[in-house]
Amino acid sequence: MPVKHDLLADLKLNKEELAQHRSKDPRLHQLLDQYDNVDKEVLAAESALAADGPLRTLKERRLKVKKQIVERLRGL
């Protein structure tokens, strides 16, 4: 059974801290929304037992967005 990726744990932030950063930075807000959308696609693909290639592509997209979020948070 697919499990939602815990971005907060990876970022070592709690919901309140992330909400503060999100409210101050429109680009970060956009990236976080994008991450959530891609993460949902990954979960759906895993649930549907998608082929390895498309699933890997989705996971790579998710990782790319996550890296952008980390970079953005470093700049705050």
PDB file of N, CA and C in Angstrom:
ATOM      1  N   MET A   1       0.839  -1.182   0.000  1.00  0.00           N
ATOM      2  CA  MET A   1       0.000   0.000   0.000  1.00  0.00           C
ATOM      3  C   MET A   1       0.885   1.248   0.000  1.00  0.00           C
ATOM      4  N   PRO A   2       0.688   2.143  -0.936  1.00  0.00           N
ATOM      5  CA  PRO A   2       1.489   3.369  -1.016  1.00  0.00           C
ATOM      6  C   PRO A   2       1.275   4.268   0.196  1.00  0.00           C
ATOM      7  N   VAL A   3       2.337   4.939   0.605  1.00  0.00           N
ATOM      8  CA  VAL A   3       2.294   5.836   1.757  1.00  0.00           C
ATOM      9  C   VAL A   3       2.752   7.215   1.311  1.00  0.00           C
ATOM     10  N   LYS A   4       1.995   8.252   1.710  1.00  0.00           N
ATOM     11  CA  LYS A   4       2.353   9.633   1.365  1.00  0.00           C
ATOM     12  C   LYS A   4       3.734   9.957   1.920  1.00  0.00           C
ATOM     13  N   HIS A   5       4.546  10.601   1.114  1.00  0.00           N
ATOM     14  CA  HIS A   5       5.895  10.986   1.508  1.00  0.00           C
ATOM     15  C   HIS A   5       5.817  12.106   2.539  1.00  0.00           C
ATOM     16  N   ASP A   6       6.571  12.008   3.625  1.00  0.00           N
ATOM     17  CA  ASP A   6       6.537  12.985   4.709  1.00  0.00           C
ATOM     18  C   ASP A   6       7.572  14.087   4.467  1.00  0.00           C
ATOM     19  N   LEU A   7       7.150  15.084   3.744  1.00  0.00           N
ATOM     20  CA  LEU A   7       8.031  16.196   3.404  1.00  0.00           C
ATOM     21  C   LEU A   7       8.472  16.961   4.654  1.00  0.00           C
ATOM     22  N   LEU A   8       7.568  17.142   5.598  1.00  0.00           N
ATOM     23  CA  LEU A   8       7.921  17.888   6.818  1.00  0.00           C
ATOM     24  C   LEU A   8       9.080  17.233   7.555  1.00  0.00           C
ATOM     25  N   ALA A   9       9.060  15.929   7.651  1.00  0.00           N
ATOM     26  CA  ALA A   9      10.152  15.224   8.336  1.00  0.00           C
ATOM     27  C   ALA A   9      11.462  15.424   7.580  1.00  0.00           C
ATOM     28  N   ASP A  10      11.403  15.361   6.255  1.00  0.00           N
ATOM     29  CA  ASP A  10      12.612  15.561   5.458  1.00  0.00           C
ATOM     30  C   ASP A  10      13.177  16.968   5.626  1.00  0.00           C
ATOM     31  N   LEU A  11      12.273  17.935   5.739  1.00  0.00           N
ATOM     32  CA  LEU A  11      12.706  19.329   5.865  1.00  0.00           C
ATOM     33  C   LEU A  11      13.038  19.704   7.305  1.00  0.00           C
ATOM     34  N   LYS A  12      12.703  18.813   8.244  1.00  0.00           N
ATOM     35  CA  LYS A  12      12.918  19.064   9.674  1.00  0.00           C
ATOM     36  C   LYS A  12      12.190  20.323  10.135  1.00  0.00           C
ATOM     37  N   LEU A  13      10.933  20.433   9.663  1.00  0.00           N
ATOM     38  CA  LEU A  13      10.058  21.547  10.038  1.00  0.00           C
ATOM     39  C   LEU A  13       8.741  20.983  10.542  1.00  0.00           C
ATOM     40  N   ASN A  14       8.034  21.790  11.345  1.00  0.00           N
ATOM     41  CA  ASN A  14       6.676  21.399  11.699  1.00  0.00           C
ATOM     42  C   ASN A  14       5.704  22.178  10.812  1.00  0.00           C
ATOM     43  N   LYS A  15       4.430  21.866  10.920  1.00  0.00           N
ATOM     44  CA  LYS A  15       3.436  22.500  10.044  1.00  0.00           C
ATOM     45  C   LYS A  15       3.409  24.017  10.197  1.00  0.00           C
ATOM     46  N   GLU A  16       3.526  24.482  11.433  1.00  0.00           N
ATOM     47  CA  GLU A  16       3.468  25.924  11.685  1.00  0.00           C
ATOM     48  C   GLU A  16       4.650  26.655  11.046  1.00  0.00           C
ATOM     49  N   GLU A  17       5.836  26.091  11.192  1.00  0.00           N
ATOM     50  CA  GLU A  17       7.022  26.702  10.597  1.00  0.00           C
ATOM     51  C   GLU A  17       6.900  26.755   9.081  1.00  0.00           C
ATOM     52  N   LEU A  18       6.447  25.657   8.499  1.00  0.00           N
ATOM     53  CA  LEU A  18       6.304  25.626   7.043  1.00  0.00           C
ATOM     54  C   LEU A  18       5.235  26.616   6.590  1.00  0.00           C
ATOM     55  N   ALA A  19       4.153  26.720   7.331  1.00  0.00           N
ATOM     56  CA  ALA A  19       3.093  27.668   6.992  1.00  0.00           C
ATOM     57  C   ALA A  19       3.615  29.103   7.023  1.00  0.00           C
ATOM     58  N   GLN A  20       4.475  29.415   7.997  1.00  0.00           N
ATOM     59  CA  GLN A  20       5.068  30.759   8.067  1.00  0.00           C
ATOM     60  C   GLN A  20       5.914  31.042   6.824  1.00  0.00           C
ATOM     61  N   HIS A  21       6.776  30.103   6.485  1.00  0.00           N
ATOM     62  CA  HIS A  21       7.620  30.280   5.299  1.00  0.00           C
ATOM     63  C   HIS A  21       6.761  30.410   4.047  1.00  0.00           C
ATOM     64  N   ARG A  22       5.742  29.573   3.958  1.00  0.00           N
ATOM     65  CA  ARG A  22       4.858  29.568   2.784  1.00  0.00           C
ATOM     66  C   ARG A  22       4.176  30.921   2.623  1.00  0.00           C
ATOM     67  N   SER A  23       3.733  31.513   3.731  1.00  0.00           N
ATOM     68  CA  SER A  23       3.005  32.785   3.651  1.00  0.00           C
ATOM     69  C   SER A  23       3.910  33.948   3.260  1.00  0.00           C
ATOM     70  N   LYS A  24       5.204  33.815   3.517  1.00  0.00           N
ATOM     71  CA  LYS A  24       6.152  34.897   3.214  1.00  0.00           C
ATOM     72  C   LYS A  24       6.717  34.822   1.802  1.00  0.00           C
ATOM     73  N   ASP A  25       6.609  33.663   1.158  1.00  0.00           N
ATOM     74  CA  ASP A  25       7.287  33.461  -0.116  1.00  0.00           C
ATOM     75  C   ASP A  25       6.345  32.819  -1.137  1.00  0.00           C
ATOM     76  N   PRO A  26       5.824  33.616  -2.060  1.00  0.00           N
ATOM     77  CA  PRO A  26       4.888  33.080  -3.058  1.00  0.00           C
ATOM     78  C   PRO A  26       5.494  31.946  -3.905  1.00  0.00           C
ATOM     79  N   ARG A  27       6.768  32.033  -4.209  1.00  0.00           N
ATOM     80  CA  ARG A  27       7.407  30.978  -5.002  1.00  0.00           C
ATOM     81  C   ARG A  27       7.475  29.673  -4.205  1.00  0.00           C
ATOM     82  N   LEU A  28       7.795  29.763  -2.932  1.00  0.00           N
ATOM     83  CA  LEU A  28       7.809  28.579  -2.077  1.00  0.00           C
ATOM     84  C   LEU A  28       6.406  27.983  -2.001  1.00  0.00           C
ATOM     85  N   HIS A  29       5.415  28.829  -1.862  1.00  0.00           N
ATOM     86  CA  HIS A  29       4.023  28.376  -1.834  1.00  0.00           C
ATOM     87  C   HIS A  29       3.707  27.571  -3.098  1.00  0.00           C
ATOM     88  N   GLN A  30       4.108  28.099  -4.234  1.00  0.00           N
ATOM     89  CA  GLN A  30       3.881  27.423  -5.515  1.00  0.00           C
ATOM     90  C   GLN A  30       4.623  26.080  -5.566  1.00  0.00           C
ATOM     91  N   LEU A  31       5.851  26.052  -5.119  1.00  0.00           N
ATOM     92  CA  LEU A  31       6.630  24.813  -5.127  1.00  0.00           C
ATOM     93  C   LEU A  31       6.019  23.759  -4.207  1.00  0.00           C
ATOM     94  N   LEU A  32       5.541  24.178  -3.053  1.00  0.00           N
ATOM     95  CA  LEU A  32       4.916  23.234  -2.126  1.00  0.00           C
ATOM     96  C   LEU A  32       3.640  22.650  -2.718  1.00  0.00           C
ATOM     97  N   ASP A  33       2.849  23.490  -3.399  1.00  0.00           N
ATOM     98  CA  ASP A  33       1.651  22.983  -4.079  1.00  0.00           C
ATOM     99  C   ASP A  33       2.036  22.010  -5.181  1.00  0.00           C
ATOM    100  N   GLN A  34       3.068  22.357  -5.924  1.00  0.00           N
ATOM    101  CA  GLN A  34       3.546  21.493  -7.003  1.00  0.00           C
ATOM    102  C   GLN A  34       4.018  20.160  -6.429  1.00  0.00           C
ATOM    103  N   TYR A  35       4.731  20.197  -5.323  1.00  0.00           N
ATOM    104  CA  TYR A  35       5.209  18.977  -4.681  1.00  0.00           C
ATOM    105  C   TYR A  35       4.035  18.088  -4.271  1.00  0.00           C
ATOM    106  N   ASP A  36       3.024  18.700  -3.646  1.00  0.00           N
ATOM    107  CA  ASP A  36       1.848  17.934  -3.222  1.00  0.00           C
ATOM    108  C   ASP A  36       1.168  17.265  -4.414  1.00  0.00           C
ATOM    109  N   ASN A  37       1.063  17.995  -5.519  1.00  0.00           N
ATOM    110  CA  ASN A  37       0.425  17.434  -6.715  1.00  0.00           C
ATOM    111  C   ASN A  37       1.215  16.260  -7.279  1.00  0.00           C
ATOM    112  N   VAL A  38       2.520  16.400  -7.371  1.00  0.00           N
ATOM    113  CA  VAL A  38       3.351  15.319  -7.895  1.00  0.00           C
ATOM    114  C   VAL A  38       3.336  14.127  -6.941  1.00  0.00           C
ATOM    115  N   ASP A  39       3.339  14.406  -5.645  1.00  0.00           N
ATOM    116  CA  ASP A  39       3.290  13.327  -4.665  1.00  0.00           C
ATOM    117  C   ASP A  39       1.985  12.533  -4.813  1.00  0.00           C
ATOM    118  N   LYS A  40       0.883  13.228  -5.052  1.00  0.00           N
ATOM    119  CA  LYS A  40      -0.396  12.546  -5.292  1.00  0.00           C
ATOM    120  C   LYS A  40      -0.325  11.679  -6.543  1.00  0.00           C
ATOM    121  N   GLU A  41       0.341  12.183  -7.575  1.00  0.00           N
ATOM    122  CA  GLU A  41       0.506  11.392  -8.803  1.00  0.00           C
ATOM    123  C   GLU A  41       1.333  10.137  -8.535  1.00  0.00           C
ATOM    124  N   VAL A  42       2.380  10.267  -7.729  1.00  0.00           N
ATOM    125  CA  VAL A  42       3.212   9.111  -7.375  1.00  0.00           C
ATOM    126  C   VAL A  42       2.367   8.077  -6.639  1.00  0.00           C
ATOM    127  N   LEU A  43       1.590   8.524  -5.665  1.00  0.00           N
ATOM    128  CA  LEU A  43       0.741   7.609  -4.899  1.00  0.00           C
ATOM    129  C   LEU A  43      -0.268   6.905  -5.802  1.00  0.00           C
ATOM    130  N   ALA A  44      -0.860   7.664  -6.712  1.00  0.00           N
ATOM    131  CA  ALA A  44      -1.834   7.066  -7.635  1.00  0.00           C
ATOM    132  C   ALA A  44      -1.166   6.039  -8.535  1.00  0.00           C
ATOM    133  N   ALA A  45       0.022   6.355  -9.015  1.00  0.00           N
ATOM    134  CA  ALA A  45       0.749   5.424  -9.887  1.00  0.00           C
ATOM    135  C   ALA A  45       1.145   4.166  -9.124  1.00  0.00           C
ATOM    136  N   GLU A  46       1.562   4.344  -7.889  1.00  0.00           N
ATOM    137  CA  GLU A  46       1.912   3.180  -7.071  1.00  0.00           C
ATOM    138  C   GLU A  46       0.684   2.315  -6.805  1.00  0.00           C
ATOM    139  N   SER A  47      -0.447   2.949  -6.533  1.00  0.00           N
ATOM    140  CA  SER A  47      -1.686   2.210  -6.287  1.00  0.00           C
ATOM    141  C   SER A  47      -2.143   1.444  -7.520  1.00  0.00           C
ATOM    142  N   ALA A  48      -1.904   2.044  -8.682  1.00  0.00           N
ATOM    143  CA  ALA A  48      -2.318   1.425  -9.939  1.00  0.00           C
ATOM    144  C   ALA A  48      -1.271   0.439 -10.460  1.00  0.00           C
ATOM    145  N   LEU A  49      -0.212   0.259  -9.679  1.00  0.00           N
ATOM    146  CA  LEU A  49       0.887  -0.637 -10.077  1.00  0.00           C
ATOM    147  C   LEU A  49       1.438  -0.254 -11.452  1.00  0.00           C
ATOM    148  N   ALA A  50       1.722   1.037 -11.589  1.00  0.00           N
ATOM    149  CA  ALA A  50       2.261   1.563 -12.848  1.00  0.00           C
ATOM    150  C   ALA A  50       3.603   0.918 -13.169  1.00  0.00           C
ATOM    151  N   ALA A  51       3.935   0.942 -14.433  1.00  0.00           N
ATOM    152  CA  ALA A  51       5.227   0.420 -14.882  1.00  0.00           C
ATOM    153  C   ALA A  51       6.362   1.215 -14.233  1.00  0.00           C
ATOM    154  N   ASP A  52       7.512   0.571 -14.120  1.00  0.00           N
ATOM    155  CA  ASP A  52       8.650   1.188 -13.442  1.00  0.00           C
ATOM    156  C   ASP A  52       9.081   2.504 -14.080  1.00  0.00           C
ATOM    157  N   GLY A  53       9.096   2.580 -15.401  1.00  0.00           N
ATOM    158  CA  GLY A  53       9.568   3.785 -16.084  1.00  0.00           C
ATOM    159  C   GLY A  53       8.763   5.024 -15.732  1.00  0.00           C
ATOM    160  N   PRO A  54       7.447   4.977 -15.938  1.00  0.00           N
ATOM    161  CA  PRO A  54       6.641   6.166 -15.590  1.00  0.00           C
ATOM    162  C   PRO A  54       6.689   6.504 -14.101  1.00  0.00           C
ATOM    163  N   LEU A  55       6.708   5.495 -13.261  1.00  0.00           N
ATOM    164  CA  LEU A  55       6.780   5.729 -11.823  1.00  0.00           C
ATOM    165  C   LEU A  55       8.103   6.392 -11.444  1.00  0.00           C
ATOM    166  N   ARG A  56       9.180   5.927 -12.033  1.00  0.00           N
ATOM    167  CA  ARG A  56      10.500   6.522 -11.768  1.00  0.00           C
ATOM    168  C   ARG A  56      10.518   7.980 -12.216  1.00  0.00           C
ATOM    169  N   THR A  57       9.902   8.257 -13.366  1.00  0.00           N
ATOM    170  CA  THR A  57       9.847   9.628 -13.869  1.00  0.00           C
ATOM    171  C   THR A  57       9.100  10.536 -12.893  1.00  0.00           C
ATOM    172  N   LEU A  58       7.988  10.046 -12.371  1.00  0.00           N
ATOM    173  CA  LEU A  58       7.236  10.836 -11.388  1.00  0.00           C
ATOM    174  C   LEU A  58       8.059  11.077 -10.124  1.00  0.00           C
ATOM    175  N   LYS A  59       8.734  10.039  -9.658  1.00  0.00           N
ATOM    176  CA  LYS A  59       9.551  10.191  -8.449  1.00  0.00           C
ATOM    177  C   LYS A  59      10.706  11.155  -8.681  1.00  0.00           C
ATOM    178  N   GLU A  60      11.259  11.156  -9.870  1.00  0.00           N
ATOM    179  CA  GLU A  60      12.332  12.104 -10.200  1.00  0.00           C
ATOM    180  C   GLU A  60      11.799  13.527 -10.223  1.00  0.00           C
ATOM    181  N   ARG A  61      10.576  13.716 -10.752  1.00  0.00           N
ATOM    182  CA  ARG A  61       9.958  15.047 -10.740  1.00  0.00           C
ATOM    183  C   ARG A  61       9.740  15.514  -9.312  1.00  0.00           C
ATOM    184  N   ARG A  62       9.255  14.603  -8.459  1.00  0.00           N
ATOM    185  CA  ARG A  62       9.020  14.936  -7.053  1.00  0.00           C
ATOM    186  C   ARG A  62      10.328  15.345  -6.378  1.00  0.00           C
ATOM    187  N   LEU A  63      11.388  14.603  -6.634  1.00  0.00           N
ATOM    188  CA  LEU A  63      12.689  14.907  -6.039  1.00  0.00           C
ATOM    189  C   LEU A  63      13.217  16.256  -6.528  1.00  0.00           C
ATOM    190  N   LYS A  64      13.018  16.547  -7.796  1.00  0.00           N
ATOM    191  CA  LYS A  64      13.469  17.831  -8.349  1.00  0.00           C
ATOM    192  C   LYS A  64      12.764  18.994  -7.657  1.00  0.00           C
ATOM    193  N   VAL A  65      11.461  18.866  -7.460  1.00  0.00           N
ATOM    194  CA  VAL A  65      10.707  19.919  -6.780  1.00  0.00           C
ATOM    195  C   VAL A  65      11.160  20.029  -5.324  1.00  0.00           C
ATOM    196  N   LYS A  66      11.390  18.889  -4.684  1.00  0.00           N
ATOM    197  CA  LYS A  66      11.857  18.895  -3.291  1.00  0.00           C
ATOM    198  C   LYS A  66      13.188  19.633  -3.178  1.00  0.00           C
ATOM    199  N   LYS A  67      14.093  19.403  -4.109  1.00  0.00           N
ATOM    200  CA  LYS A  67      15.382  20.105  -4.089  1.00  0.00           C
ATOM    201  C   LYS A  67      15.189  21.608  -4.221  1.00  0.00           C
ATOM    202  N   GLN A  68      14.245  22.015  -5.056  1.00  0.00           N
ATOM    203  CA  GLN A  68      13.965  23.439  -5.215  1.00  0.00           C
ATOM    204  C   GLN A  68      13.400  24.026  -3.916  1.00  0.00           C
ATOM    205  N   ILE A  69      12.573  23.257  -3.225  1.00  0.00           N
ATOM    206  CA  ILE A  69      12.012  23.707  -1.949  1.00  0.00           C
ATOM    207  C   ILE A  69      13.136  23.883  -0.933  1.00  0.00           C
ATOM    208  N   VAL A  70      14.034  22.916  -0.856  1.00  0.00           N
ATOM    209  CA  VAL A  70      15.159  22.988   0.091  1.00  0.00           C
ATOM    210  C   VAL A  70      16.014  24.221  -0.219  1.00  0.00           C
ATOM    211  N   GLU A  71      16.303  24.453  -1.485  1.00  0.00           N
ATOM    212  CA  GLU A  71      17.096  25.624  -1.863  1.00  0.00           C
ATOM    213  C   GLU A  71      16.382  26.912  -1.475  1.00  0.00           C
ATOM    214  N   ARG A  72      15.085  26.934  -1.687  1.00  0.00           N
ATOM    215  CA  ARG A  72      14.300  28.122  -1.370  1.00  0.00           C
ATOM    216  C   ARG A  72      14.318  28.395   0.133  1.00  0.00           C
ATOM    217  N   LEU A  73      14.187  27.328   0.925  1.00  0.00           N
ATOM    218  CA  LEU A  73      14.189  27.493   2.376  1.00  0.00           C
ATOM    219  C   LEU A  73      15.548  27.950   2.884  1.00  0.00           C
ATOM    220  N   ARG A  74      16.601  27.536   2.237  1.00  0.00           N
ATOM    221  CA  ARG A  74      17.938  27.978   2.645  1.00  0.00           C
ATOM    222  C   ARG A  74      18.109  29.472   2.462  1.00  0.00           C
ATOM    223  N   GLY A  75      17.404  30.018   1.465  1.00  0.00           N
ATOM    224  CA  GLY A  75      17.506  31.443   1.170  1.00  0.00           C
ATOM    225  C   GLY A  75      16.671  32.325   2.081  1.00  0.00           C
ATOM    226  N   LEU A  76      15.828  31.719   2.912  1.00  0.00           N
ATOM    227  CA  LEU A  76      14.966  32.529   3.784  1.00  0.00           C
ATOM    228  C   LEU A  76      15.640  32.859   5.104  1.00  0.00           C
TER     229      LEU A  76
END
